[in-house]
Amino acid sequence: MNRRRFLTLSGVGVVGAVAGCSSEADSAESVDSHPAAADLDAQPRRGELGGHVILAFEDPSCPTCRRFHEDTLPDIRKNIVDAGKGAYVVRTYPVIYPWGEPATQALESTFARDSEAYWSLFDHYFAEQSSFDPDNVLDRTATFLTEETAVDGEAVARDARERTHDDAVQADIQAAEDAGLGETTPIILLFEDGEFVTKVNGSVSYDLIAEALGERDG
């Protein structure tokens, strides 16, 4: 972060919130070497890597992740992704409520089949979050996928129960652990032109993200 950016953030009270969430692992300042960004190109994403990269570790069972998804993500999509300025990348990190783990298995099984179905299911988990529990999540997932996407929902549920794509699930968990991210989701890491900028936790505003990425410079 350059000195002008630091002073700008300090002036609006952002830097305290940002710096307070940093960890020692963030000394790896390149997107190519930061442990949280391992195998980044293989992760679900909206937009193209390069420019701004917003890497979010999210749990589908997490209410704070839902608020981030509902309140902040639309502005990220509009101002970063759709504007061609960078990418929003998701790594699922099931650490909050028990149903998040089978849901994460289902998300990876869906992504292996169809990326658009993955995003539809991701949205569905947040939209209907209060209706899921460990006993019904895979049945409800199967119904949703079969009725609303081109993916075979029963096949996804079967794969999730058998942990067919557990390697992908564990890779995301390992990336979070290797980066020392803790378990307060969502965890959002920001990169600009291949360089690490900062890490923030919680349902942070788009304005904070924009400040950190220099979108408010001028």
Protein backbone atom coordinates (compact mmCIF):
# COMPACT_ATOMS: atom_id res chain seq x y z
CA MET A 1 0.00 0.00 0.00
CA ASN A 2 1.57 3.30 -1.01
CA ARG A 3 1.85 6.29 1.33
CA ARG A 4 -0.86 8.30 -0.43
CA ARG A 5 -3.29 5.36 -0.20
CA PHE A 6 -2.41 4.91 3.50
CA LEU A 7 -3.12 8.58 4.23
CA THR A 8 -6.40 8.42 2.30
CA LEU A 9 -7.56 5.39 4.26
CA SER A 10 -6.49 6.95 7.54
CA GLY A 11 -8.49 10.06 6.74
CA VAL A 12 -11.74 8.11 6.45
CA GLY A 13 -11.09 5.83 9.40
CA VAL A 14 -10.60 2.70 7.30
CA VAL A 15 -7.03 1.77 8.04
CA GLY A 16 -7.70 0.81 11.64
CA ALA A 17 -10.37 -1.66 10.65
CA VAL A 18 -8.20 -3.06 7.88
CA ALA A 19 -4.95 -3.30 9.81
CA GLY A 20 -6.66 -4.85 12.80
CA CYS A 21 -7.55 -7.90 10.73
CA SER A 22 -4.11 -8.58 9.28
CA SER A 23 -2.08 -11.68 10.11
CA GLU A 24 1.59 -12.56 9.92
CA ALA A 25 0.98 -14.69 6.84
CA ASP A 26 0.10 -11.52 4.94
CA SER A 27 3.82 -10.75 4.61
CA ALA A 28 3.61 -12.91 1.47
CA GLU A 29 2.68 -9.97 -0.70
CA SER A 30 2.26 -11.51 -4.14
CA VAL A 31 -0.94 -13.17 -5.33
CA ASP A 32 1.34 -15.91 -6.67
CA SER A 33 2.92 -16.61 -3.28
CA HIS A 34 0.20 -15.80 -0.75
CA PRO A 35 -0.94 -19.14 0.77
CA ALA A 36 -4.60 -18.09 0.71
CA ALA A 37 -4.39 -17.71 -3.07
CA ALA A 38 -2.90 -21.14 -3.78
CA ASP A 39 -4.29 -22.60 -7.03
CA LEU A 40 -6.32 -19.42 -7.46
CA ASP A 41 -7.10 -19.98 -11.13
CA ALA A 42 -9.00 -23.20 -10.32
CA GLN A 43 -11.41 -21.51 -7.89
CA PRO A 44 -14.95 -20.33 -8.70
CA ARG A 45 -14.83 -16.72 -9.81
CA ARG A 46 -16.68 -13.92 -11.47
CA GLY A 47 -14.51 -11.79 -13.75
CA GLU A 48 -10.93 -12.17 -14.89
CA LEU A 49 -7.85 -12.41 -12.72
CA GLY A 50 -5.61 -9.37 -12.95
CA GLY A 51 -6.23 -5.82 -11.81
CA HIS A 52 -8.27 -6.08 -8.62
CA VAL A 53 -8.78 -9.50 -7.05
CA ILE A 54 -11.25 -9.89 -4.19
CA LEU A 55 -10.74 -13.32 -2.64
CA ALA A 56 -13.47 -14.26 -0.19
CA PHE A 57 -13.50 -17.23 2.18
CA GLU A 58 -17.19 -17.83 2.90
CA ASP A 59 -19.35 -20.39 4.69
CA PRO A 60 -22.83 -20.89 3.20
CA SER A 61 -24.19 -21.34 6.74
CA CYS A 62 -22.75 -18.03 8.01
CA PRO A 63 -25.27 -15.18 8.56
CA THR A 64 -22.51 -12.57 8.26
CA CYS A 65 -21.49 -14.06 4.92
CA ARG A 66 -25.11 -13.74 3.85
CA ARG A 67 -25.12 -10.04 4.72
CA PHE A 68 -21.88 -9.54 2.77
CA HIS A 69 -23.40 -11.44 -0.14
CA GLU A 70 -26.59 -9.37 -0.09
CA ASP A 71 -25.25 -5.92 0.82
CA THR A 72 -21.72 -5.72 -0.62
CA LEU A 73 -21.41 -8.24 -3.44
CA PRO A 74 -23.85 -6.43 -5.80
CA ASP A 75 -21.55 -3.38 -5.76
CA ILE A 76 -18.49 -5.58 -6.28
CA ARG A 77 -20.20 -7.14 -9.28
CA LYS A 78 -21.23 -3.77 -10.70
CA ASN A 79 -18.09 -1.73 -10.05
CA ILE A 80 -15.31 -4.32 -10.26
CA VAL A 81 -16.44 -7.44 -12.14
CA ASP A 82 -18.87 -6.03 -14.70
CA ALA A 83 -16.64 -2.99 -15.22
CA GLY A 84 -13.80 -5.29 -16.29
CA LYS A 85 -11.54 -4.18 -13.44
CA GLY A 86 -10.94 -7.57 -11.84
CA ALA A 87 -12.39 -10.66 -10.22
CA TYR A 88 -14.37 -11.85 -7.22
CA VAL A 89 -13.13 -15.31 -6.20
CA VAL A 90 -14.74 -17.64 -3.66
CA ARG A 91 -13.20 -20.32 -1.48
CA THR A 92 -15.76 -22.11 0.66
CA TYR A 93 -14.76 -22.45 4.30
CA PRO A 94 -17.26 -24.45 6.42
CA VAL A 95 -16.49 -23.39 9.98
CA ILE A 96 -19.76 -21.94 11.36
CA TYR A 97 -22.84 -24.21 11.47
CA PRO A 98 -22.77 -27.98 10.83
CA TRP A 99 -24.86 -27.90 7.65
CA GLY A 100 -22.21 -25.76 5.99
CA GLU A 101 -19.94 -28.78 5.61
CA PRO A 102 -22.27 -30.96 3.46
CA ALA A 103 -23.32 -27.81 1.61
CA THR A 104 -19.69 -27.13 0.78
CA GLN A 105 -19.30 -30.69 -0.47
CA ALA A 106 -22.34 -30.11 -2.69
CA LEU A 107 -20.98 -26.81 -3.97
CA GLU A 108 -17.72 -28.43 -5.05
CA SER A 109 -19.60 -31.31 -6.68
CA THR A 110 -21.75 -28.79 -8.52
CA PHE A 111 -18.78 -26.68 -9.62
CA ALA A 112 -17.15 -29.80 -11.07
CA ARG A 113 -20.18 -30.11 -13.35
CA ASP A 114 -21.27 -26.56 -14.18
CA SER A 115 -19.95 -23.22 -12.95
CA GLU A 116 -23.22 -21.34 -13.46
CA ALA A 117 -25.11 -23.96 -11.45
CA TYR A 118 -22.50 -23.47 -8.73
CA TRP A 119 -23.29 -19.76 -8.49
CA SER A 120 -27.02 -20.45 -8.51
CA LEU A 121 -26.63 -22.89 -5.62
CA PHE A 122 -24.34 -20.51 -3.74
CA ASP A 123 -26.99 -17.78 -4.03
CA HIS A 124 -29.71 -20.24 -3.00
CA TYR A 125 -27.94 -21.24 0.20
CA PHE A 126 -27.81 -17.61 1.32
CA ALA A 127 -31.32 -16.77 0.17
CA GLU A 128 -32.85 -19.72 2.05
CA GLN A 129 -30.25 -19.98 4.80
CA SER A 130 -32.68 -20.36 7.71
CA SER A 131 -34.37 -23.38 6.12
CA PHE A 132 -31.31 -25.64 6.08
CA ASP A 133 -30.02 -28.05 8.70
CA PRO A 134 -27.63 -31.04 8.57
CA ASP A 135 -30.50 -33.47 7.99
CA ASN A 136 -32.19 -31.73 5.07
CA VAL A 137 -29.52 -29.74 3.27
CA LEU A 138 -28.59 -32.34 0.66
CA ASP A 139 -32.19 -33.30 -0.12
CA ARG A 140 -33.10 -29.64 -0.54
CA THR A 141 -29.96 -29.12 -2.62
CA ALA A 142 -30.90 -31.97 -4.94
CA THR A 143 -34.40 -30.58 -5.43
CA PHE A 144 -33.15 -27.08 -6.16
CA LEU A 145 -30.51 -28.17 -8.66
CA THR A 146 -32.87 -30.49 -10.51
CA GLU A 147 -35.65 -27.92 -10.70
CA GLU A 148 -33.63 -24.74 -11.30
CA THR A 149 -30.47 -25.78 -13.17
CA ALA A 150 -29.31 -28.23 -15.82
CA VAL A 151 -27.41 -30.27 -13.22
CA ASP A 152 -28.58 -33.64 -11.90
CA GLY A 153 -29.30 -32.77 -8.27
CA GLU A 154 -29.46 -36.36 -7.07
CA ALA A 155 -26.00 -37.03 -8.52
CA VAL A 156 -24.62 -33.98 -6.74
CA ALA A 157 -26.19 -35.04 -3.43
CA ARG A 158 -24.77 -38.53 -3.85
CA ASP A 159 -21.29 -37.14 -4.53
CA ALA A 160 -21.60 -34.85 -1.53
CA ARG A 161 -22.52 -37.73 0.77
CA GLU A 162 -19.61 -39.77 -0.59
CA ARG A 163 -17.26 -36.76 -0.44
CA THR A 164 -16.29 -37.31 -4.03
CA HIS A 165 -14.78 -33.83 -4.33
CA ASP A 166 -13.38 -33.63 -0.82
CA ASP A 167 -9.92 -32.82 -2.20
CA ALA A 168 -11.26 -29.46 -3.38
CA VAL A 169 -13.00 -28.84 -0.05
CA GLN A 170 -9.85 -29.63 1.90
CA ALA A 171 -7.70 -27.47 -0.39
CA ASP A 172 -9.76 -24.41 0.57
CA ILE A 173 -9.57 -25.24 4.26
CA GLN A 174 -5.82 -25.82 3.98
CA ALA A 175 -5.35 -22.50 2.19
CA ALA A 176 -7.11 -20.71 5.04
CA GLU A 177 -5.07 -22.55 7.65
CA ASP A 178 -1.77 -21.96 5.82
CA ALA A 179 -2.57 -18.25 5.68
CA GLY A 180 -3.53 -18.12 9.37
CA LEU A 181 -6.93 -16.64 8.57
CA GLY A 182 -8.79 -17.82 11.66
CA GLU A 183 -12.48 -18.73 11.61
CA THR A 184 -14.34 -15.41 11.56
CA THR A 185 -16.11 -15.43 8.21
CA PRO A 186 -16.32 -13.92 5.72
CA ILE A 187 -12.60 -13.35 5.33
CA ILE A 188 -11.79 -11.10 2.38
CA LEU A 189 -8.31 -10.67 0.95
CA LEU A 190 -7.66 -7.87 -1.51
CA PHE A 191 -5.01 -7.88 -4.23
CA GLU A 192 -4.18 -5.15 -6.71
CA ASP A 193 -2.09 -5.78 -9.84
CA GLY A 194 -0.83 -9.03 -8.36
CA GLU A 195 0.18 -7.56 -5.00
CA PHE A 196 -1.48 -8.17 -1.64
CA VAL A 197 -3.19 -5.06 -0.25
CA THR A 198 -4.96 -6.10 2.96
CA LYS A 199 -7.33 -8.54 4.66
CA VAL A 200 -10.66 -7.72 6.30
CA ASN A 201 -13.22 -9.78 8.19
CA GLY A 202 -16.97 -9.49 8.35
CA SER A 203 -19.71 -7.93 6.28
CA VAL A 204 -17.57 -4.98 5.26
CA SER A 205 -18.94 -2.27 3.00
CA TYR A 206 -18.09 -1.84 -0.65
CA ASP A 207 -16.77 1.63 0.20
CA LEU A 208 -14.10 0.11 2.44
CA ILE A 209 -13.08 -2.34 -0.30
CA ALA A 210 -13.04 0.46 -2.88
CA GLU A 211 -10.80 2.60 -0.66
CA ALA A 212 -8.35 -0.24 -0.12
CA LEU A 213 -8.18 -0.97 -3.86
CA GLY A 214 -7.75 2.66 -4.86
CA GLU A 215 -11.17 2.99 -6.46
CA ARG A 216 -11.75 6.20 -4.47
CA ASP A 217 -8.42 7.82 -5.48
CA GLY A 218 -8.62 10.93 -7.54
